[in-house]
């Protein structure tokens, strides 16, 4: 009577066995293996390129100390005996630098376009800050090949290639009905397959990052921030890819749809948004400040010297008791109209900085809608290679320049002799301390939009139905 026994209920595969089975199926695909190897290679090259660029910048900064000492020794030998403080201030350059942070190798940001080393004199400041700002706009448009570039622009393409026919491929092969009827089929099957692919992509991206972080002694909070940022961005593109992959269209149609989304979200909309932002918040270039200041300084040569000094004393009365100007050139008049040149463009400098900060704030808000922009904002903030870091460096240079003026003015306005010992006593630039900044706002925006994409993907995968004949 064995034929009367009820048929044995098929056993559901254990989760570990199911994952191993899916991994074996995935690795049988030569195309998948090649794609993952290529992504790992690109991420490794980007990290290596970033580490090499950071090492080059550190070597450049390290050479500055020796060059500064050599320059001071040469100037002390040349001008020390004359006792002329004006000549010493004019011909002595002082090095300033902005050292890269331990995370800078991941996203070089503005360090590729603006100077991270400046040689400063006690002359007008703004021209010195912005005269090295010129760069090739075509090269800046292409951007540096770093981890941020690989993550923002290339990683979504690999995810699309791995996920776009997750369902349609099975439908085309005639296995969809069988897969949906199997124990553990349906949404769990698609999530297992998609999760395996996304996990491998995540591993290909972060393994080089972990190696680079170990080489650069990157702090753990900064590393955690980068990993969260990477995971959130991959989660968004995975959710979006699964939403479209769960539809009933052909593989080609889904691939085209996803490529259109990639172009729209990473290229078209960010470019349009930046164009709108540039028009809505107009900001002049730093070179305009340099030209305005130079016009003010050069125009002072044609003004009466006494009038220039009188104007200087109104804002700096502490030097009013200086001796009258002798006939001919005098350094205190020269440095007075240099400082007046800075004060003349001070309102323009304030507008320039406020405009830049406003643009940065709107760009970060834009990251809440465009994940690619949000990822770049988060990585650049964590790497301290964004606009805020550049402005902080300029503030440090301005503070050093103020100390330099305060050091030289007693010699100039009280006409004290400048001795060789005074060369040694000149102020020395101290780089700003590393600021540990957690891009909480950008990470929160990325997390929310990634979570929304994943919820929509779960709903779409649950609606996958067998083929209708």
Protein backbone atom coordinates (compact mmCIF):
# COMPACT_ATOMS: atom_id res chain seq x y z
CA UNK A 1 0.00 0.00 0.00
CA UNK A 2 2.93 2.24 -0.44
CA UNK A 3 1.23 3.83 -3.41
CA UNK A 4 -1.34 5.31 -1.02
CA UNK A 5 1.23 7.33 0.93
CA UNK A 6 1.07 11.06 0.28
CA UNK A 7 3.84 12.44 -1.90
CA UNK A 8 6.77 13.82 0.08
CA UNK A 9 6.71 17.62 0.25
CA UNK A 10 9.76 19.07 -1.48
CA UNK A 11 12.22 20.49 0.96
CA UNK A 12 13.23 24.09 0.77
CA UNK A 13 16.97 24.50 0.30
CA UNK A 14 18.88 25.76 3.30
CA UNK A 15 19.83 29.44 2.96
CA UNK A 16 23.55 28.70 2.90
CA UNK A 17 23.11 26.06 0.20
CA UNK A 18 20.97 28.40 -1.85
CA UNK A 19 23.59 31.16 -1.67
CA UNK A 20 26.37 28.73 -2.63
CA UNK A 21 24.29 27.45 -5.52
CA UNK A 22 23.66 30.97 -6.80
CA UNK A 23 27.34 31.81 -6.47
CA UNK A 24 28.31 28.78 -8.53
CA UNK A 25 25.80 29.73 -11.20
CA UNK A 26 27.05 33.29 -11.24
CA UNK A 27 30.72 32.41 -11.50
CA UNK A 28 30.02 30.07 -14.42
CA UNK A 29 29.30 33.15 -16.49
CA UNK A 30 32.54 34.29 -18.08
CA UNK A 31 31.05 37.70 -18.79
CA UNK A 32 30.23 38.28 -15.12
CA UNK A 33 33.73 37.24 -14.03
CA UNK A 34 35.33 39.54 -16.59
CA UNK A 35 33.09 42.44 -15.54
CA UNK A 36 33.90 42.01 -11.84
CA UNK A 37 37.61 41.66 -12.55
CA UNK A 38 37.53 44.80 -14.69
CA UNK A 39 35.73 46.78 -11.97
CA UNK A 40 38.24 45.60 -9.37
CA UNK A 41 41.09 46.61 -11.68
CA UNK A 42 39.60 50.08 -12.29
CA UNK A 43 39.01 50.67 -8.58
CA UNK A 44 42.55 49.52 -7.79
CA UNK A 45 44.01 51.81 -10.45
CA UNK A 46 41.97 54.74 -9.13
CA UNK A 47 43.14 54.16 -5.56
CA UNK A 48 46.74 53.69 -6.68
CA UNK A 49 46.55 56.86 -8.79
CA UNK A 50 45.12 58.80 -5.85
CA UNK A 51 47.80 57.52 -3.45
CA UNK A 52 50.50 58.42 -5.93
CA UNK A 53 49.14 61.95 -6.43
CA UNK A 54 48.87 62.47 -2.66
CA UNK A 55 52.45 61.21 -2.20
CA UNK A 56 53.61 63.64 -4.88
CA UNK A 57 51.90 66.53 -3.12
CA UNK A 58 53.38 65.50 0.23
CA UNK A 59 56.86 65.36 -1.29
CA UNK A 60 56.37 68.82 -2.78
CA UNK A 61 55.32 70.18 0.61
CA UNK A 62 58.24 68.45 2.34
CA UNK A 63 60.70 70.13 -0.02
CA UNK A 64 59.27 73.54 0.90
CA UNK A 65 60.87 73.55 4.36
CA UNK A 66 64.39 73.18 2.96
CA UNK A 67 63.74 75.70 0.21
CA UNK A 68 62.35 78.17 2.75
CA UNK A 69 65.47 77.90 4.91
CA UNK A 70 67.72 78.35 1.89
CA UNK A 71 65.75 81.40 0.77
CA UNK A 72 65.86 82.97 4.24
CA UNK A 73 69.62 82.42 4.46
CA UNK A 74 70.12 84.02 1.04
CA UNK A 75 67.93 87.03 1.91
CA UNK A 76 69.62 87.46 5.29
CA UNK A 77 73.01 87.49 3.58
CA UNK A 78 71.80 89.94 0.94
CA UNK A 79 69.75 92.39 3.03
CA UNK A 80 70.84 91.72 6.62
CA UNK A 81 73.65 94.21 6.61
CA UNK A 82 71.58 97.06 5.14
CA UNK A 83 69.06 96.99 7.99
CA UNK A 84 66.31 97.84 5.47
CA UNK A 85 63.09 96.17 6.62
CA UNK A 86 61.25 97.20 3.44
CA UNK A 87 63.69 95.34 1.20
CA UNK A 88 63.65 92.31 3.50
CA UNK A 89 59.83 92.20 3.42
CA UNK A 90 59.70 92.71 -0.34
CA UNK A 91 62.22 90.09 -1.37
CA UNK A 92 61.48 87.38 1.22
CA UNK A 93 58.89 84.79 0.25
CA UNK A 94 57.18 82.67 2.90
CA UNK A 95 55.87 79.23 2.06
CA UNK A 96 52.36 78.13 2.94
CA UNK A 97 50.82 74.78 2.21
CA UNK A 98 47.64 72.75 2.54
CA UNK A 99 48.60 69.14 3.36
CA UNK A 100 46.31 66.43 1.96
CA UNK A 101 44.13 64.57 4.43
CA UNK A 102 44.47 60.77 4.86
CA UNK A 103 41.31 60.34 2.75
CA UNK A 104 42.34 62.70 -0.04
CA UNK A 105 43.46 59.84 -2.29
CA UNK A 106 39.82 58.82 -2.74
CA UNK A 107 38.54 62.14 -4.10
CA UNK A 108 41.08 64.79 -5.11
CA UNK A 109 38.39 67.39 -5.77
CA UNK A 110 39.63 70.97 -5.93
CA UNK A 111 43.22 69.98 -5.12
CA UNK A 112 43.49 69.22 -8.82
CA UNK A 113 42.43 72.72 -9.88
CA UNK A 114 43.60 75.19 -7.22
CA UNK A 115 47.06 75.57 -5.67
CA UNK A 116 47.82 73.71 -2.47
CA UNK A 117 51.12 75.58 -2.08
CA UNK A 118 51.48 79.38 -2.07
CA UNK A 119 54.51 81.59 -1.52
CA UNK A 120 53.42 84.73 0.30
CA UNK A 121 55.04 88.14 0.80
CA UNK A 122 53.94 91.07 2.96
CA UNK A 123 52.41 92.79 -0.09
CA UNK A 124 48.74 92.94 -1.07
CA UNK A 125 47.18 89.57 -0.27
CA UNK A 126 44.32 88.92 -2.68
CA UNK A 127 46.50 88.96 -5.79
CA UNK A 128 48.77 86.39 -4.19
CA UNK A 129 45.84 84.18 -3.22
CA UNK A 130 44.31 84.06 -6.68
CA UNK A 131 47.15 84.47 -9.15
CA UNK A 132 47.76 80.69 -9.18
CA UNK A 133 44.11 79.93 -9.78
CA UNK A 134 44.42 79.63 -13.56
CA UNK A 135 44.15 76.09 -14.93
CA UNK A 136 43.27 74.36 -18.13
CA UNK A 137 39.46 74.27 -18.17
CA UNK A 138 39.39 71.34 -20.58
CA UNK A 139 41.47 69.20 -18.22
CA UNK A 140 39.39 70.30 -15.25
CA UNK A 141 36.23 69.32 -17.12
CA UNK A 142 37.50 65.79 -17.66
CA UNK A 143 38.34 65.47 -13.98
CA UNK A 144 40.84 63.27 -12.21
CA UNK A 145 40.58 59.49 -12.44
CA UNK A 146 40.06 58.74 -8.76
CA UNK A 147 37.83 56.49 -6.68
CA UNK A 148 35.03 59.08 -6.69
CA UNK A 149 35.01 58.96 -10.50
CA UNK A 150 34.88 55.15 -10.56
CA UNK A 151 32.10 55.04 -7.98
CA UNK A 152 29.90 57.80 -9.40
CA UNK A 153 30.20 57.12 -13.14
CA UNK A 154 31.43 53.56 -13.69
CA UNK A 155 29.99 51.47 -10.85
CA UNK A 156 26.34 52.08 -11.93
CA UNK A 157 27.19 50.76 -15.41
CA UNK A 158 28.51 47.51 -13.96
CA UNK A 159 25.43 47.14 -11.76
CA UNK A 160 23.16 47.73 -14.75
CA UNK A 161 25.05 45.11 -16.77
CA UNK A 162 24.67 42.55 -13.95
CA UNK A 163 21.02 43.22 -13.10
CA UNK A 164 19.16 44.39 -16.19
CA UNK A 165 18.08 40.91 -17.34
CA UNK A 166 17.72 39.31 -13.95
CA UNK A 167 14.10 38.45 -14.74
CA UNK A 168 13.85 38.91 -18.50
CA UNK A 169 16.79 36.57 -19.08
CA UNK A 170 14.95 33.77 -17.30
CA UNK A 171 11.76 34.59 -19.18
CA UNK A 172 13.58 34.49 -22.49
CA UNK A 173 15.19 31.14 -21.58
CA UNK A 174 11.81 29.69 -20.62
CA UNK A 175 12.77 29.04 -16.99
CA UNK A 176 10.73 31.75 -15.32
CA UNK A 177 7.63 29.65 -14.59
CA UNK A 178 9.74 26.85 -13.13
CA UNK A 179 11.77 29.20 -10.96
CA UNK A 180 8.65 30.84 -9.58
CA UNK A 181 7.13 27.44 -8.77
CA UNK A 182 10.19 26.16 -6.91
CA UNK A 183 10.36 26.33 -3.10
CA UNK A 184 12.16 29.53 -2.20
CA UNK A 185 11.37 31.02 -5.60
CA UNK A 186 9.79 34.38 -6.28
CA UNK A 187 10.95 37.49 -4.47
CA UNK A 188 13.45 35.61 -2.29
CA UNK A 189 15.13 34.17 -5.35
CA UNK A 190 15.47 37.56 -7.04
CA UNK A 191 16.75 39.19 -3.86
CA UNK A 192 19.29 36.41 -3.39
CA UNK A 193 20.57 36.75 -6.93
CA UNK A 194 20.60 40.54 -6.88
CA UNK A 195 22.18 40.68 -3.42
CA UNK A 196 24.96 38.37 -4.54
CA UNK A 197 25.75 40.53 -7.56
CA UNK A 198 25.61 43.78 -5.60
CA UNK A 199 27.75 42.30 -2.84
CA UNK A 200 30.44 41.29 -5.32
CA UNK A 201 30.39 44.76 -6.88
CA UNK A 202 30.68 46.28 -3.40
CA UNK A 203 33.64 44.01 -2.63
CA UNK A 204 35.38 44.93 -5.90
CA UNK A 205 35.07 48.60 -4.96
CA UNK A 206 35.93 48.57 -1.28
CA UNK A 207 38.80 46.07 -1.20
CA UNK A 208 41.15 48.54 -2.96
CA UNK A 209 39.80 51.29 -0.66
CA UNK A 210 40.66 49.22 2.42
CA UNK A 211 44.18 48.66 1.09
CA UNK A 212 44.57 52.38 0.35
CA UNK A 213 43.21 53.31 3.78
CA UNK A 214 45.80 51.06 5.42
CA UNK A 215 48.59 52.69 3.39
CA UNK A 216 47.48 56.24 4.23
CA UNK A 217 46.59 55.59 7.89
CA UNK A 218 43.04 56.71 7.26
CA UNK A 219 41.01 57.09 10.49
CA UNK A 220 38.28 54.54 11.07
CA UNK A 221 35.41 57.10 11.19
CA UNK A 222 36.47 58.45 7.80
CA UNK A 223 36.71 54.92 6.40
CA UNK A 224 33.28 54.05 7.79
CA UNK A 225 31.86 57.16 6.15
CA UNK A 226 33.29 56.18 2.76
CA UNK A 227 31.98 52.62 3.07
CA UNK A 228 28.51 53.87 4.01
CA UNK A 229 28.55 56.30 1.12
CA UNK A 230 29.54 53.53 -1.29
CA UNK A 231 26.93 51.14 0.05
CA UNK A 232 24.16 53.75 -0.15
CA UNK A 233 25.02 54.68 -3.72
CA UNK A 234 25.11 51.04 -4.83
CA UNK A 235 21.84 50.43 -3.01
CA UNK A 236 20.17 53.24 -4.94
CA UNK A 237 21.31 51.97 -8.32
CA UNK A 238 20.48 48.39 -7.36
CA UNK A 239 16.97 49.40 -6.36
CA UNK A 240 16.47 51.38 -9.54
CA UNK A 241 17.81 48.55 -11.70
CA UNK A 242 15.59 45.98 -10.00
CA UNK A 243 12.51 48.20 -10.37
CA UNK A 244 12.98 48.23 -14.13
CA UNK A 245 14.29 44.66 -14.37
CA UNK A 246 11.11 43.37 -12.74
CA UNK A 247 9.00 44.73 -15.58
CA UNK A 248 7.72 42.60 -18.39
CA UNK A 249 9.72 44.22 -21.16
CA UNK A 250 12.50 42.68 -23.17
CA UNK A 251 16.10 42.68 -22.00
CA UNK A 252 17.10 45.18 -24.67
CA UNK A 253 14.33 47.60 -23.69
CA UNK A 254 15.29 47.37 -20.02
CA UNK A 255 18.96 47.91 -20.81
CA UNK A 256 18.10 51.00 -22.83
CA UNK A 257 15.86 52.31 -20.05
CA UNK A 258 18.58 51.87 -17.43
CA UNK A 259 21.23 53.47 -19.63
CA UNK A 260 18.89 56.41 -20.13
CA UNK A 261 18.48 56.72 -16.35
CA UNK A 262 22.25 56.60 -15.92
CA UNK A 263 22.84 59.33 -18.49
CA UNK A 264 20.05 61.45 -17.03
CA UNK A 265 21.09 61.14 -13.38
CA UNK A 266 24.86 61.29 -13.73
CA UNK A 267 25.39 63.55 -16.76
CA UNK A 268 22.38 65.53 -17.96
CA UNK A 269 20.62 66.65 -14.77
CA UNK A 270 23.82 67.53 -12.81
CA UNK A 271 25.07 69.58 -15.76
CA UNK A 272 21.75 71.39 -16.15
CA UNK A 273 21.52 71.97 -12.41
CA UNK A 274 25.01 73.44 -12.28
CA UNK A 275 24.19 75.70 -15.22
CA UNK A 276 21.03 76.93 -13.47
CA UNK A 277 22.96 77.38 -10.22
CA UNK A 278 25.67 79.38 -11.97
CA UNK A 279 23.02 81.69 -13.39
CA UNK A 280 21.03 81.95 -10.16
CA UNK A 281 24.08 82.57 -7.94
CA UNK A 282 26.56 84.46 -10.11
CA UNK A 283 30.12 84.43 -8.76
CA UNK A 284 33.06 86.20 -10.35
CA UNK A 285 36.33 84.39 -10.73
CA UNK A 286 39.12 84.88 -8.22
CA UNK A 287 41.24 86.32 -11.00
CA UNK A 288 38.77 89.25 -11.14
CA UNK A 289 39.66 90.04 -7.53
CA UNK A 290 43.32 89.90 -8.42
CA UNK A 291 42.84 92.33 -11.31
CA UNK A 292 40.70 94.71 -9.22
CA UNK A 293 43.28 94.76 -6.47
CA UNK A 294 46.17 95.31 -8.86
CA UNK A 295 44.33 98.23 -10.43
CA UNK A 296 43.87 99.75 -6.97
CA UNK A 297 47.52 99.17 -6.05
CA UNK A 298 48.94 100.39 -9.34
CA UNK A 299 46.69 103.45 -9.27
CA UNK A 300 48.18 104.45 -5.91
CA UNK A 301 51.48 105.32 -7.60
CA UNK A 302 49.75 108.29 -9.23
CA UNK A 303 48.11 109.59 -6.03
CA UNK A 304 49.70 112.04 -3.57
CA UNK A 305 51.68 110.06 -1.00
CA UNK A 306 50.43 112.14 1.95
CA UNK A 307 46.81 111.49 0.94
CA UNK A 308 47.48 107.74 0.78
CA UNK A 309 49.07 107.73 4.23
CA UNK A 310 46.25 109.85 5.66
CA UNK A 311 43.74 107.30 4.36
CA UNK A 312 45.81 104.47 5.84
CA UNK A 313 46.01 106.16 9.25
CA UNK A 314 42.22 106.51 9.41
CA UNK A 315 41.86 102.72 9.54
CA UNK A 316 45.21 102.09 11.32
CA UNK A 317 45.66 104.93 13.83
CA UNK A 318 48.28 102.97 15.79
CA UNK A 319 50.89 104.01 13.18
CA UNK A 320 49.84 107.67 13.00
CA UNK A 321 52.85 108.84 15.06
CA UNK A 322 55.34 107.87 12.39
CA UNK A 323 57.85 110.42 11.09
CA UNK A 324 56.82 112.52 8.06
CA UNK A 325 57.64 111.13 4.66
CA UNK A 326 61.03 112.18 3.36
CA UNK A 327 61.54 113.17 -0.26
CA UNK A 328 61.53 110.29 -2.68
CA UNK A 329 60.40 106.72 -2.21
CA UNK A 330 59.72 105.26 1.25
CA UNK A 331 58.71 101.72 2.11
CA UNK A 332 56.02 102.66 4.67
CA UNK A 333 54.08 104.52 1.98
CA UNK A 334 54.53 101.54 -0.35
CA UNK A 335 53.21 98.98 2.18
CA UNK A 336 50.42 101.35 3.21
CA UNK A 337 48.93 101.46 -0.28
CA UNK A 338 49.43 97.70 -0.59
CA UNK A 339 47.17 97.19 2.41
CA UNK A 340 44.73 99.81 1.14
CA UNK A 341 44.50 97.73 -2.03
CA UNK A 342 43.33 94.77 0.08
CA UNK A 343 40.82 96.95 1.92
CA UNK A 344 39.52 98.41 -1.35
CA UNK A 345 38.45 94.98 -2.65
CA UNK A 346 37.29 93.65 0.76
CA UNK A 347 33.55 93.98 -0.14
CA UNK A 348 34.15 92.12 -3.42
CA UNK A 349 36.05 89.40 -1.55
CA UNK A 350 33.16 89.01 0.90
CA UNK A 351 30.64 88.77 -1.98
CA UNK A 352 32.88 86.27 -3.77
CA UNK A 353 33.14 83.99 -0.75
CA UNK A 354 29.43 84.26 0.08
CA UNK A 355 28.58 83.36 -3.51
CA UNK A 356 30.86 80.33 -3.43
CA UNK A 357 29.47 79.16 -0.10
CA UNK A 358 25.91 79.61 -1.37
CA UNK A 359 26.69 77.52 -4.44
CA UNK A 360 28.24 74.84 -2.28
CA UNK A 361 25.17 74.77 -0.03
CA UNK A 362 22.82 74.44 -3.02
CA UNK A 363 25.02 71.71 -4.50
CA UNK A 364 24.76 69.74 -1.27
CA UNK A 365 20.96 70.19 -1.31
CA UNK A 366 20.97 68.97 -4.90
CA UNK A 367 22.61 65.78 -3.65
CA UNK A 368 19.34 64.88 -1.92
CA UNK A 369 17.74 64.48 -5.36
CA UNK A 370 20.71 63.41 -7.48
CA UNK A 371 22.65 60.60 -5.79
CA UNK A 372 25.74 61.14 -7.94
CA UNK A 373 26.03 64.74 -6.74
CA UNK A 374 25.40 63.63 -3.16
CA UNK A 375 28.15 61.00 -3.33
CA UNK A 376 30.67 63.47 -4.70
CA UNK A 377 29.75 66.04 -2.03
CA UNK A 378 30.12 63.43 0.72
CA UNK A 379 33.44 62.05 -0.55
CA UNK A 380 34.96 65.49 -1.14
CA UNK A 381 33.89 66.65 2.32
CA UNK A 382 35.32 63.53 3.94
CA UNK A 383 38.53 63.91 1.94
CA UNK A 384 38.66 67.66 2.72
CA UNK A 385 39.13 68.47 -0.93
CA UNK A 386 36.00 70.56 -1.38
CA UNK A 387 35.36 74.29 -1.40
CA UNK A 388 35.16 74.55 2.38
CA UNK A 389 38.63 73.06 2.73
CA UNK A 390 40.00 75.46 0.10
CA UNK A 391 38.47 78.47 1.87
CA UNK A 392 39.87 77.22 5.19
CA UNK A 393 43.34 77.13 3.61
CA UNK A 394 42.87 80.69 2.32
CA UNK A 395 41.81 81.77 5.82
CA UNK A 396 44.98 80.20 7.26
CA UNK A 397 47.07 82.07 4.67
CA UNK A 398 45.26 85.33 5.46
CA UNK A 399 45.89 84.85 9.19
CA UNK A 400 49.59 84.21 8.50
CA UNK A 401 49.74 87.25 6.22
CA UNK A 402 48.27 89.41 9.00
CA UNK A 403 50.98 88.14 11.38
CA UNK A 404 53.59 88.94 8.75
CA UNK A 405 52.35 92.52 8.43
CA UNK A 406 52.22 92.91 12.21
CA UNK A 407 55.83 91.72 12.36
CA UNK A 408 57.17 94.12 9.71
CA UNK A 409 55.14 97.27 10.42
CA UNK A 410 57.05 98.29 13.59
CA UNK A 411 60.27 98.21 11.53
CA UNK A 412 58.69 100.19 8.70
CA UNK A 413 56.68 102.84 10.55
CA UNK A 414 59.05 103.25 13.50
CA UNK A 415 61.99 103.02 11.10
CA UNK A 416 63.80 100.44 13.18
CA UNK A 417 66.86 98.65 11.86
CA UNK A 418 66.23 95.11 10.58
CA UNK A 419 69.02 92.83 11.78
CA UNK A 420 70.03 89.32 10.67
CA UNK A 421 68.47 88.01 13.92
CA UNK A 422 65.15 89.47 12.80
CA UNK A 423 65.21 87.26 9.72
CA UNK A 424 65.17 84.24 12.01
CA UNK A 425 62.38 85.72 14.14
CA UNK A 426 59.95 86.10 11.21
CA UNK A 427 56.57 84.34 11.53
CA UNK A 428 56.36 80.78 10.26
CA UNK A 429 53.27 79.38 8.56
CA UNK A 430 51.51 76.59 10.44
CA UNK A 431 49.19 74.41 8.42
CA UNK A 432 45.63 74.09 9.59
CA UNK A 433 44.94 71.02 11.73
CA UNK A 434 43.08 68.19 10.09
CA UNK A 435 39.37 68.71 10.64
CA UNK A 436 37.46 65.52 11.19
CA UNK A 437 34.24 66.17 9.32
CA UNK A 438 31.47 63.62 8.99
CA UNK A 439 29.27 64.41 5.95
CA UNK A 440 26.12 63.62 7.90
CA UNK A 441 23.73 65.61 5.70
CA UNK A 442 24.90 64.04 2.44
CA UNK A 443 24.90 60.54 3.96
CA UNK A 444 21.38 61.03 5.30
CA UNK A 445 20.15 62.16 1.89
CA UNK A 446 21.82 59.20 0.19
CA UNK A 447 20.38 56.81 2.76
CA UNK A 448 16.84 58.10 2.26
CA UNK A 449 16.88 57.96 -1.52
CA UNK A 450 18.56 54.54 -1.47
CA UNK A 451 15.97 53.26 0.99
CA UNK A 452 13.15 54.53 -1.23
CA UNK A 453 14.66 52.81 -4.28
CA UNK A 454 15.00 49.52 -2.38
CA UNK A 455 11.38 49.62 -1.14
CA UNK A 456 10.15 50.19 -4.69
CA UNK A 457 12.37 47.35 -5.89
CA UNK A 458 10.92 44.96 -3.28
CA UNK A 459 7.40 45.78 -4.42
CA UNK A 460 8.31 45.37 -8.07
CA UNK A 461 9.98 42.00 -7.51
CA UNK A 462 6.94 40.76 -5.63
CA UNK A 463 4.80 41.45 -8.70
CA UNK A 464 6.84 39.23 -11.06
CA UNK A 465 4.38 36.72 -12.52
CA UNK A 466 4.75 33.60 -14.73
CA UNK A 467 4.55 33.92 -18.48
CA UNK A 468 1.06 34.09 -19.88
CA UNK A 469 0.42 31.82 -22.82
